[in-house]
PDB file of N, CA and C in Angstrom:
ATOM      1  N   MET A   1     221.090 108.483 168.257  1.00  0.00           N
ATOM      2  CA  MET A   1     222.508 108.991 169.369  1.00  0.00           C
ATOM      3  C   MET A   1     222.045 108.540 170.746  1.00  0.00           C
ATOM      4  N   VAL A   2     222.180 107.371 170.892  1.00  0.00           N
ATOM      5  CA  VAL A   2     221.706 107.145 172.177  1.00  0.00           C
ATOM      6  C   VAL A   2     222.689 107.756 173.535  1.00  0.00           C
ATOM      7  N   GLY A   3     223.936 107.860 172.846  1.00  0.00           N
ATOM      8  CA  GLY A   3     224.899 108.844 173.874  1.00  0.00           C
ATOM      9  C   GLY A   3     224.513 110.023 174.343  1.00  0.00           C
ATOM     10  N   ARG A   4     223.403 110.451 173.678  1.00  0.00           N
ATOM     11  CA  ARG A   4     223.024 112.148 173.806  1.00  0.00           C
ATOM     12  C   ARG A   4     221.433 111.618 174.158  1.00  0.00           C
ATOM     13  N   HIS A   5     221.034 110.156 174.614  1.00  0.00           N
ATOM     14  CA  HIS A   5     219.778 109.690 174.885  1.00  0.00           C
ATOM     15  C   HIS A   5     218.592 110.131 174.108  1.00  0.00           C
ATOM     16  N   ILE A   6     219.250 110.182 172.739  1.00  0.00           N
ATOM     17  CA  ILE A   6     218.217 110.221 171.435  1.00  0.00           C
ATOM     18  C   ILE A   6     217.747 109.043 171.229  1.00  0.00           C
ATOM     19  N   LEU A   7     216.507 108.064 171.260  1.00  0.00           N
ATOM     20  CA  LEU A   7     216.289 106.880 171.295  1.00  0.00           C
ATOM     21  C   LEU A   7     215.264 106.620 169.596  1.00  0.00           C
ATOM     22  N   PRO A   8     215.240 105.493 169.052  1.00  0.00           N
ATOM     23  CA  PRO A   8     214.632 105.416 168.276  1.00  0.00           C
ATOM     24  C   PRO A   8     212.914 105.013 168.612  1.00  0.00           C
ATOM     25  N   GLY A   9     212.501 106.055 168.046  1.00  0.00           N
ATOM     26  CA  GLY A   9     211.248 106.504 168.092  1.00  0.00           C
ATOM     27  C   GLY A   9     210.814 107.858 168.515  1.00  0.00           C
ATOM     28  N   ASP A  10     211.754 108.526 169.023  1.00  0.00           N
ATOM     29  CA  ASP A  10     211.941 109.627 169.845  1.00  0.00           C
ATOM     30  C   ASP A  10     211.955 111.080 168.753  1.00  0.00           C
ATOM     31  N   VAL A  11     211.196 111.930 168.732  1.00  0.00           N
ATOM     32  CA  VAL A  11     211.056 112.985 167.722  1.00  0.00           C
ATOM     33  C   VAL A  11     211.942 113.995 167.934  1.00  0.00           C
ATOM     34  N   VAL A  12     212.492 114.691 167.000  1.00  0.00           N
ATOM     35  CA  VAL A  12     213.888 115.714 167.172  1.00  0.00           C
ATOM     36  C   VAL A  12     212.899 116.834 166.397  1.00  0.00           C
ATOM     37  N   VAL A  13     212.803 117.921 167.479  1.00  0.00           N
ATOM     38  CA  VAL A  13     212.441 119.581 166.842  1.00  0.00           C
ATOM     39  C   VAL A  13     213.832 120.383 166.414  1.00  0.00           C
ATOM     40  N   LEU A  14     213.965 120.748 165.399  1.00  0.00           N
ATOM     41  CA  LEU A  14     214.675 121.467 164.792  1.00  0.00           C
ATOM     42  C   LEU A  14     214.261 122.802 164.916  1.00  0.00           C
ATOM     43  N   GLU A  15     215.224 123.916 164.872  1.00  0.00           N
ATOM     44  CA  GLU A  15     214.768 125.433 164.732  1.00  0.00           C
ATOM     45  C   GLU A  15     216.036 125.562 163.606  1.00  0.00           C
ATOM     46  N   ASN A  16     215.384 126.126 162.380  1.00  0.00           N
ATOM     47  CA  ASN A  16     215.868 126.302 160.602  1.00  0.00           C
ATOM     48  C   ASN A  16     216.597 127.858 161.342  1.00  0.00           C
ATOM     49  N   GLY A  17     217.808 128.123 160.701  1.00  0.00           N
ATOM     50  CA  GLY A  17     218.034 129.164 160.021  1.00  0.00           C
ATOM     51  C   GLY A  17     219.302 129.873 161.317  1.00  0.00           C
ATOM     52  N   ARG A  18     219.129 129.410 162.243  1.00  0.00           N
ATOM     53  CA  ARG A  18     220.407 129.603 163.237  1.00  0.00           C
ATOM     54  C   ARG A  18     221.234 129.179 163.566  1.00  0.00           C
ATOM     55  N   SER A  19     222.673 129.796 163.555  1.00  0.00           N
ATOM     56  CA  SER A  19     223.522 129.398 163.870  1.00  0.00           C
ATOM     57  C   SER A  19     223.983 128.277 164.852  1.00  0.00           C
ATOM     58  N   PRO A  20     224.767 127.196 165.066  1.00  0.00           N
ATOM     59  CA  PRO A  20     224.545 126.279 166.134  1.00  0.00           C
ATOM     60  C   PRO A  20     225.821 126.765 167.250  1.00  0.00           C
ATOM     61  N   ARG A  21     225.734 126.389 168.149  1.00  0.00           N
ATOM     62  CA  ARG A  21     227.110 126.954 169.075  1.00  0.00           C
ATOM     63  C   ARG A  21     227.463 125.246 168.942  1.00  0.00           C
ATOM     64  N   PRO A  22     229.019 125.372 169.759  1.00  0.00           N
ATOM     65  CA  PRO A  22     229.612 124.194 169.483  1.00  0.00           C
ATOM     66  C   PRO A  22     228.713 123.474 170.921  1.00  0.00           C
ATOM     67  N   GLY A  23     228.491 121.947 170.800  1.00  0.00           N
ATOM     68  CA  GLY A  23     227.983 121.271 171.430  1.00  0.00           C
ATOM     69  C   GLY A  23     226.720 120.506 171.114  1.00  0.00           C
ATOM     70  N   GLU A  24     226.249 121.625 170.487  1.00  0.00           N
ATOM     71  CA  GLU A  24     224.355 121.367 169.968  1.00  0.00           C
ATOM     72  C   GLU A  24     224.586 120.402 169.080  1.00  0.00           C
ATOM     73  N   VAL A  25     223.212 119.409 169.226  1.00  0.00           N
ATOM     74  CA  VAL A  25     222.599 118.730 168.448  1.00  0.00           C
ATOM     75  C   VAL A  25     222.035 119.411 167.117  1.00  0.00           C
ATOM     76  N   VAL A  26     223.129 118.935 165.792  1.00  0.00           N
ATOM     77  CA  VAL A  26     221.999 119.785 164.496  1.00  0.00           C
ATOM     78  C   VAL A  26     221.942 118.205 163.626  1.00  0.00           C
ATOM     79  N   ALA A  27     221.021 118.882 162.794  1.00  0.00           N
ATOM     80  CA  ALA A  27     220.794 117.664 161.483  1.00  0.00           C
ATOM     81  C   ALA A  27     221.569 118.714 160.341  1.00  0.00           C
ATOM     82  N   ALA A  28     222.543 117.935 159.852  1.00  0.00           N
ATOM     83  CA  ALA A  28     223.176 118.606 158.692  1.00  0.00           C
ATOM     84  C   ALA A  28     223.430 117.549 157.819  1.00  0.00           C
ATOM     85  N   LEU A  29     223.662 118.377 156.471  1.00  0.00           N
ATOM     86  CA  LEU A  29     223.720 117.718 155.537  1.00  0.00           C
ATOM     87  C   LEU A  29     225.368 117.755 154.772  1.00  0.00           C
ATOM     88  N   VAL A  30     226.194 116.244 154.920  1.00  0.00           N
ATOM     89  CA  VAL A  30     227.459 116.502 154.844  1.00  0.00           C
ATOM     90  C   VAL A  30     227.613 115.491 153.340  1.00  0.00           C
ATOM     91  N   ASP A  31     228.194 115.877 152.371  1.00  0.00           N
ATOM     92  CA  ASP A  31     228.838 116.055 151.130  1.00  0.00           C
ATOM     93  C   ASP A  31     227.155 115.139 150.924  1.00  0.00           C
ATOM     94  N   ASN A  32     226.170 115.527 150.640  1.00  0.00           N
ATOM     95  CA  ASN A  32     224.692 115.016 150.329  1.00  0.00           C
ATOM     96  C   ASN A  32     224.309 113.882 151.447  1.00  0.00           C
ATOM     97  N   GLU A  33     224.671 113.696 152.409  1.00  0.00           N
ATOM     98  CA  GLU A  33     224.215 112.384 153.009  1.00  0.00           C
ATOM     99  C   GLU A  33     223.295 113.476 154.784  1.00  0.00           C
ATOM    100  N   SER A  34     222.334 113.066 154.845  1.00  0.00           N
ATOM    101  CA  SER A  34     221.982 113.886 155.589  1.00  0.00           C
ATOM    102  C   SER A  34     222.367 113.108 157.065  1.00  0.00           C
ATOM    103  N   VAL A  35     222.256 113.849 158.107  1.00  0.00           N
ATOM    104  CA  VAL A  35     222.571 113.023 159.736  1.00  0.00           C
ATOM    105  C   VAL A  35     222.574 113.798 160.743  1.00  0.00           C
ATOM    106  N   LEU A  36     222.182 113.614 161.898  1.00  0.00           N
ATOM    107  CA  LEU A  36     222.299 114.169 163.222  1.00  0.00           C
ATOM    108  C   LEU A  36     223.507 114.130 163.836  1.00  0.00           C
ATOM    109  N   ARG A  37     223.999 115.000 164.539  1.00  0.00           N
ATOM    110  CA  ARG A  37     225.423 114.906 164.963  1.00  0.00           C
ATOM    111  C   ARG A  37     225.530 116.329 165.928  1.00  0.00           C
ATOM    112  N   GLU A  38     226.517 116.173 166.887  1.00  0.00           N
ATOM    113  CA  GLU A  38     227.153 116.976 167.822  1.00  0.00           C
ATOM    114  C   GLU A  38     228.045 117.771 166.939  1.00  0.00           C
ATOM    115  N   TYR A  39     227.549 119.432 166.735  1.00  0.00           N
ATOM    116  CA  TYR A  39     228.508 120.473 166.060  1.00  0.00           C
ATOM    117  C   TYR A  39     229.736 120.710 167.030  1.00  0.00           C
ATOM    118  N   ARG A  40     230.833 120.596 166.404  1.00  0.00           N
ATOM    119  CA  ARG A  40     232.148 121.182 167.148  1.00  0.00           C
ATOM    120  C   ARG A  40     232.978 121.977 166.235  1.00  0.00           C
ATOM    121  N   VAL A  41     233.837 122.922 167.134  1.00  0.00           N
ATOM    122  CA  VAL A  41     234.686 123.605 166.055  1.00  0.00           C
ATOM    123  C   VAL A  41     236.175 123.513 166.818  1.00  0.00           C
ATOM    124  N   GLU A  42     237.235 123.259 166.186  1.00  0.00           N
ATOM    125  CA  GLU A  42     238.587 123.252 166.799  1.00  0.00           C
ATOM    126  C   GLU A  42     239.173 123.871 165.318  1.00  0.00           C
ATOM    127  N   ASN A  43     240.296 124.535 166.180  1.00  0.00           N
ATOM    128  CA  ASN A  43     241.181 125.125 165.469  1.00  0.00           C
ATOM    129  C   ASN A  43     240.366 125.740 164.174  1.00  0.00           C
ATOM    130  N   GLY A  44     239.350 126.202 164.310  1.00  0.00           N
ATOM    131  CA  GLY A  44     238.862 126.971 163.310  1.00  0.00           C
ATOM    132  C   GLY A  44     237.813 126.505 162.078  1.00  0.00           C
ATOM    133  N   GLN A  45     237.846 125.197 162.574  1.00  0.00           N
ATOM    134  CA  GLN A  45     237.173 124.116 161.428  1.00  0.00           C
ATOM    135  C   GLN A  45     235.886 123.370 161.840  1.00  0.00           C
ATOM    136  N   SER A  46     234.748 123.832 161.265  1.00  0.00           N
ATOM    137  CA  SER A  46     233.824 123.090 161.364  1.00  0.00           C
ATOM    138  C   SER A  46     233.957 121.485 161.330  1.00  0.00           C
ATOM    139  N   PHE A  47     233.230 120.509 162.368  1.00  0.00           N
ATOM    140  CA  PHE A  47     233.310 118.733 162.259  1.00  0.00           C
ATOM    141  C   PHE A  47     232.145 119.013 162.938  1.00  0.00           C
ATOM    142  N   LEU A  48     231.678 117.552 163.007  1.00  0.00           N
ATOM    143  CA  LEU A  48     230.169 116.720 163.498  1.00  0.00           C
ATOM    144  C   LEU A  48     231.284 115.592 164.511  1.00  0.00           C
ATOM    145  N   ARG A  49     230.481 115.677 165.366  1.00  0.00           N
ATOM    146  CA  ARG A  49     231.192 114.358 165.818  1.00  0.00           C
ATOM    147  C   ARG A  49     229.627 113.398 166.479  1.00  0.00           C
ATOM    148  N   ALA A  50     230.109 112.379 166.234  1.00  0.00           N
ATOM    149  CA  ALA A  50     228.972 111.285 167.182  1.00  0.00           C
ATOM    150  C   ALA A  50     228.744 111.007 168.171  1.00  0.00           C
ATOM    151  N   ALA A  51     227.788 111.143 169.027  1.00  0.00           N
ATOM    152  CA  ALA A  51     227.604 111.035 170.707  1.00  0.00           C
ATOM    153  C   ALA A  51     228.066 109.517 171.135  1.00  0.00           C
ATOM    154  N   HIS A  52     227.885 108.485 170.012  1.00  0.00           N
ATOM    155  CA  HIS A  52     228.703 107.291 170.299  1.00  0.00           C
ATOM    156  C   HIS A  52     230.376 106.976 170.551  1.00  0.00           C
ATOM    157  N   PRO A  53     230.729 107.362 171.375  1.00  0.00           N
ATOM    158  CA  PRO A  53     232.612 107.315 171.548  1.00  0.00           C
ATOM    159  C   PRO A  53     233.306 106.289 170.642  1.00  0.00           C
ATOM    160  N   ALA A  54     232.594 105.219 170.345  1.00  0.00           N
ATOM    161  CA  ALA A  54     233.382 104.380 168.486  1.00  0.00           C
ATOM    162  C   ALA A  54     233.398 104.871 168.127  1.00  0.00           C
ATOM    163  N   LEU A  55     232.733 105.584 167.731  1.00  0.00           N
ATOM    164  CA  LEU A  55     232.678 106.608 165.860  1.00  0.00           C
ATOM    165  C   LEU A  55     233.645 107.975 166.568  1.00  0.00           C
ATOM    166  N   GLY A  56     234.217 107.913 165.293  1.00  0.00           N
ATOM    167  CA  GLY A  56     234.991 109.225 165.602  1.00  0.00           C
ATOM    168  C   GLY A  56     234.283 110.282 164.926  1.00  0.00           C
ATOM    169  N   ARG A  57     234.926 111.982 164.820  1.00  0.00           N
ATOM    170  CA  ARG A  57     234.952 112.668 163.762  1.00  0.00           C
ATOM    171  C   ARG A  57     233.968 112.372 162.455  1.00  0.00           C
ATOM    172  N   LEU A  58     233.206 113.345 162.323  1.00  0.00           N
ATOM    173  CA  LEU A  58     232.505 113.713 160.459  1.00  0.00           C
ATOM    174  C   LEU A  58     232.890 114.767 160.118  1.00  0.00           C
ATOM    175  N   ILE A  59     234.112 114.516 159.318  1.00  0.00           N
ATOM    176  CA  ILE A  59     234.812 115.961 158.854  1.00  0.00           C
ATOM    177  C   ILE A  59     234.244 115.758 157.194  1.00  0.00           C
ATOM    178  N   PRO A  60     233.714 116.928 156.508  1.00  0.00           N
ATOM    179  CA  PRO A  60     232.592 117.058 155.487  1.00  0.00           C
ATOM    180  C   PRO A  60     233.706 116.501 154.377  1.00  0.00           C
ATOM    181  N   ALA A  61     234.420 116.355 153.067  1.00  0.00           N
ATOM    182  CA  ALA A  61     235.141 116.176 152.411  1.00  0.00           C
ATOM    183  C   ALA A  61     235.093 117.755 151.380  1.00  0.00           C
ATOM    184  N   ARG A  62     233.932 117.772 151.160  1.00  0.00           N
ATOM    185  CA  ARG A  62     233.141 119.140 150.068  1.00  0.00           C
ATOM    186  C   ARG A  62     232.507 119.688 150.573  1.00  0.00           C
ATOM    187  N   GLU A  63     231.427 119.566 151.450  1.00  0.00           N
ATOM    188  CA  GLU A  63     230.307 120.305 152.092  1.00  0.00           C
ATOM    189  C   GLU A  63     229.864 119.962 153.343  1.00  0.00           C
ATOM    190  N   LEU A  64     229.451 121.100 153.891  1.00  0.00           N
ATOM    191  CA  LEU A  64     228.543 120.981 155.708  1.00  0.00           C
ATOM    192  C   LEU A  64     227.433 121.705 155.328  1.00  0.00           C
ATOM    193  N   VAL A  65     226.286 121.662 155.546  1.00  0.00           N
ATOM    194  CA  VAL A  65     225.169 122.743 155.503  1.00  0.00           C
ATOM    195  C   VAL A  65     224.623 122.095 156.841  1.00  0.00           C
ATOM    196  N   ILE A  66     224.264 122.896 157.841  1.00  0.00           N
ATOM    197  CA  ILE A  66     223.711 122.782 158.988  1.00  0.00           C
ATOM    198  C   ILE A  66     221.650 122.937 158.363  1.00  0.00           C
ATOM    199  N   GLN A  67     221.306 121.886 158.383  1.00  0.00           N
ATOM    200  CA  GLN A  67     219.947 121.995 158.511  1.00  0.00           C
ATOM    201  C   GLN A  67     218.695 122.459 159.128  1.00  0.00           C
ATOM    202  N   GLY A  68     219.355 122.232 160.864  1.00  0.00           N
ATOM    203  CA  GLY A  68     218.920 122.860 161.859  1.00  0.00           C
ATOM    204  C   GLY A  68     219.373 122.404 162.955  1.00  0.00           C
ATOM    205  N   VAL A  69     219.424 123.119 164.222  1.00  0.00           N
ATOM    206  CA  VAL A  69     219.763 122.719 165.483  1.00  0.00           C
ATOM    207  C   VAL A  69     218.337 122.105 166.239  1.00  0.00           C
ATOM    208  N   MET A  70     218.474 121.289 167.281  1.00  0.00           N
ATOM    209  CA  MET A  70     218.045 120.468 168.109  1.00  0.00           C
ATOM    210  C   MET A  70     217.568 121.599 168.997  1.00  0.00           C
ATOM    211  N   VAL A  71     216.207 121.510 169.213  1.00  0.00           N
ATOM    212  CA  VAL A  71     215.689 122.363 170.422  1.00  0.00           C
ATOM    213  C   VAL A  71     214.850 122.084 171.205  1.00  0.00           C
ATOM    214  N   ARG A  72     214.236 120.671 170.796  1.00  0.00           N
ATOM    215  CA  ARG A  72     213.233 119.973 171.968  1.00  0.00           C
ATOM    216  C   ARG A  72     213.686 118.327 171.476  1.00  0.00           C
ATOM    217  N   LEU A  73     213.232 117.692 172.381  1.00  0.00           N
ATOM    218  CA  LEU A  73     213.544 116.168 172.239  1.00  0.00           C
ATOM    219  C   LEU A  73     211.969 115.778 172.807  1.00  0.00           C
ATOM    220  N   VAL A  74     210.896 115.033 171.956  1.00  0.00           N
ATOM    221  CA  VAL A  74     209.847 114.657 172.479  1.00  0.00           C
ATOM    222  C   VAL A  74     210.098 112.795 172.168  1.00  0.00           C
ATOM    223  N   ARG A  75     209.972 112.212 173.625  1.00  0.00           N
ATOM    224  CA  ARG A  75     210.135 111.045 173.632  1.00  0.00           C
ATOM    225  C   ARG A  75     209.061 110.532 173.333  1.00  0.00           C
ATOM    226  N   GLY A  76     209.486 109.037 172.171  1.00  0.00           N
ATOM    227  CA  GLY A  76     208.275 108.352 171.570  1.00  0.00           C
ATOM    228  C   GLY A  76     207.801 107.300 171.988  1.00  0.00           C
TER     229      GLY A  76
END
């Protein structure tokens, strides 16, 4: 997530159990694949967006499970 200044070797600290607000970075399970993306809601539909402008939306085909919301970044 270089677009959000999260670099290789960095550690993302997540809070489990709270609902994310649009624009927050989340760890999520999307159709059985773990990802770190920006949480968005548009027209009542939740989706994830990569911080890199060349990558598009990640809309789950079956399931979107938020595993945690980023609360801190520790530079590696």
